[in-house]
Amino acid sequence: MSNWSYNLVAMYEREKLSARLAYNYRSRWITSYVQNPDGDGFTGEYVDGVSRLDFSASYAPWEKVSFTFDASNILGNPFRNFRQFTPEGDTYPRDVRYEESVYSLGIRVRI
């Protein structure tokens, strides 16, 4: 489990316009512990803290039609996993994943 995890959300809605901005953060967490073969302490794997920022907005000029814009993972921060090999702290990257930022436009029509 992470020591810190939080979400901050700002929302705006007025007449035909609505918008939402969301920031999520999770601090570093341990994925596994391994006892050293010589019995001298523990090593293991952990994941660096990660944050994400998403935005969405819509404009409804008519009762049954709205135009939308969405932006996901605006910050584009990578997921980083590390392996600690010695009790002294010799640490090396195990896994780095880059998740793309996605931007989209849309039209919604209610029948």
Protein backbone atom coordinates (compact mmCIF):
# COMPACT_ATOMS: atom_id res chain seq x y z
CA MET A 1 0.00 0.00 0.00
CA SER A 2 1.08 3.56 -0.62
CA ASN A 3 1.55 5.93 2.28
CA TRP A 4 -0.21 8.63 0.28
CA SER A 5 -2.92 8.47 -2.34
CA TYR A 6 -5.18 11.33 -3.24
CA ASN A 7 -7.47 12.76 -5.90
CA LEU A 8 -8.20 16.42 -6.50
CA VAL A 9 -11.11 17.31 -8.77
CA ALA A 10 -12.29 20.70 -9.99
CA MET A 11 -15.65 20.89 -11.72
CA TYR A 12 -17.51 23.70 -13.46
CA GLU A 13 -21.09 23.60 -14.70
CA ARG A 14 -23.13 26.48 -15.95
CA GLU A 15 -25.93 26.49 -18.46
CA LYS A 16 -24.53 24.85 -21.61
CA LEU A 17 -20.90 24.34 -20.52
CA SER A 18 -19.41 21.79 -18.17
CA ALA A 19 -15.77 20.96 -17.43
CA ARG A 20 -13.85 18.64 -15.13
CA LEU A 21 -10.15 18.56 -14.24
CA ALA A 22 -8.91 15.62 -12.15
CA TYR A 23 -5.45 15.03 -10.64
CA ASN A 24 -4.59 11.66 -9.09
CA TYR A 25 -1.44 10.75 -7.16
CA ARG A 26 -0.15 7.60 -5.51
CA SER A 27 3.14 7.57 -3.61
CA ARG A 28 5.74 4.81 -3.84
CA TRP A 29 4.61 1.32 -2.81
CA ILE A 30 6.35 -1.99 -2.17
CA THR A 31 5.36 -4.90 -4.42
CA SER A 32 7.47 -7.64 -2.79
CA TYR A 33 10.08 -8.43 -0.16
CA VAL A 34 12.69 -11.19 -0.52
CA GLN A 35 14.99 -12.47 2.24
CA ASN A 36 18.62 -12.46 1.13
CA PRO A 37 20.17 -15.94 0.64
CA ASP A 38 22.80 -15.25 3.31
CA GLY A 39 20.03 -14.30 5.78
CA ASP A 40 21.31 -10.74 6.02
CA GLY A 41 18.23 -8.54 5.63
CA PHE A 42 15.65 -8.12 2.94
CA THR A 43 15.57 -6.78 -0.58
CA GLY A 44 12.60 -6.39 -2.87
CA GLU A 45 10.72 -4.51 -5.54
CA TYR A 46 8.87 -1.23 -5.41
CA VAL A 47 7.00 1.13 -7.71
CA ASP A 48 7.78 4.85 -7.81
CA GLY A 49 5.02 7.29 -7.08
CA VAL A 50 2.88 8.11 -10.09
CA SER A 51 0.54 10.98 -10.94
CA ARG A 52 -2.06 11.56 -13.63
CA LEU A 53 -4.03 14.55 -14.89
CA ASP A 54 -7.26 14.22 -16.90
CA PHE A 55 -9.56 16.88 -18.37
CA SER A 56 -12.99 16.73 -19.98
CA ALA A 57 -15.39 19.39 -21.20
CA SER A 58 -18.68 19.54 -23.02
CA TYR A 59 -20.75 22.25 -24.61
CA ALA A 60 -24.44 21.71 -25.38
CA PRO A 61 -25.70 24.44 -27.76
CA TRP A 62 -29.01 22.61 -28.22
CA GLU A 63 -31.10 20.42 -25.94
CA LYS A 64 -30.16 17.07 -27.52
CA VAL A 65 -26.70 17.81 -28.94
CA SER A 66 -23.38 18.31 -27.15
CA PHE A 67 -19.78 18.64 -28.28
CA THR A 68 -17.10 17.05 -26.11
CA PHE A 69 -13.36 17.24 -25.60
CA ASP A 70 -11.41 14.78 -23.47
CA ALA A 71 -7.72 14.69 -22.55
CA SER A 72 -6.43 11.68 -20.64
CA ASN A 73 -3.01 11.32 -18.98
CA ILE A 74 -1.95 14.87 -19.87
CA LEU A 75 1.25 14.67 -17.79
CA GLY A 76 2.39 11.45 -19.46
CA ASN A 77 4.36 10.33 -16.40
CA PRO A 78 5.77 6.81 -16.77
CA PHE A 79 5.13 3.86 -14.47
CA ARG A 80 8.51 2.84 -12.99
CA ASN A 81 9.19 -0.38 -11.13
CA PHE A 82 12.56 -0.97 -9.37
CA ARG A 83 14.39 -3.96 -7.91
CA GLN A 84 16.65 -3.58 -4.89
CA PHE A 85 19.44 -6.17 -5.08
CA THR A 86 21.36 -5.53 -1.85
CA PRO A 87 20.44 -4.43 1.67
CA GLU A 88 22.72 -1.41 1.08
CA GLY A 89 20.24 -0.15 -1.49
CA ASP A 90 21.74 -1.04 -4.90
CA THR A 91 18.64 -0.46 -6.99
CA TYR A 92 18.05 -0.94 -10.72
CA PRO A 93 15.04 -0.29 -12.98
CA ARG A 94 12.96 -3.40 -13.58
CA ASP A 95 10.10 -2.06 -15.66
CA VAL A 96 9.28 1.33 -17.20
CA ARG A 97 5.98 1.82 -19.02
CA TYR A 98 5.03 4.91 -20.94
CA GLU A 99 1.28 5.27 -21.27
CA GLU A 100 0.25 7.63 -24.04
CA SER A 101 -1.73 10.80 -23.60
CA VAL A 102 -5.04 10.58 -25.45
CA TYR A 103 -7.00 13.55 -26.78
CA SER A 104 -10.43 13.17 -28.34
CA LEU A 105 -13.26 15.24 -29.76
CA GLY A 106 -16.83 14.02 -30.00
CA ILE A 107 -20.44 14.81 -30.68
CA ARG A 108 -23.24 13.31 -28.60
CA VAL A 109 -26.78 13.21 -29.91
CA ARG A 110 -29.73 12.04 -27.80
CA ILE A 111 -32.67 10.55 -29.63
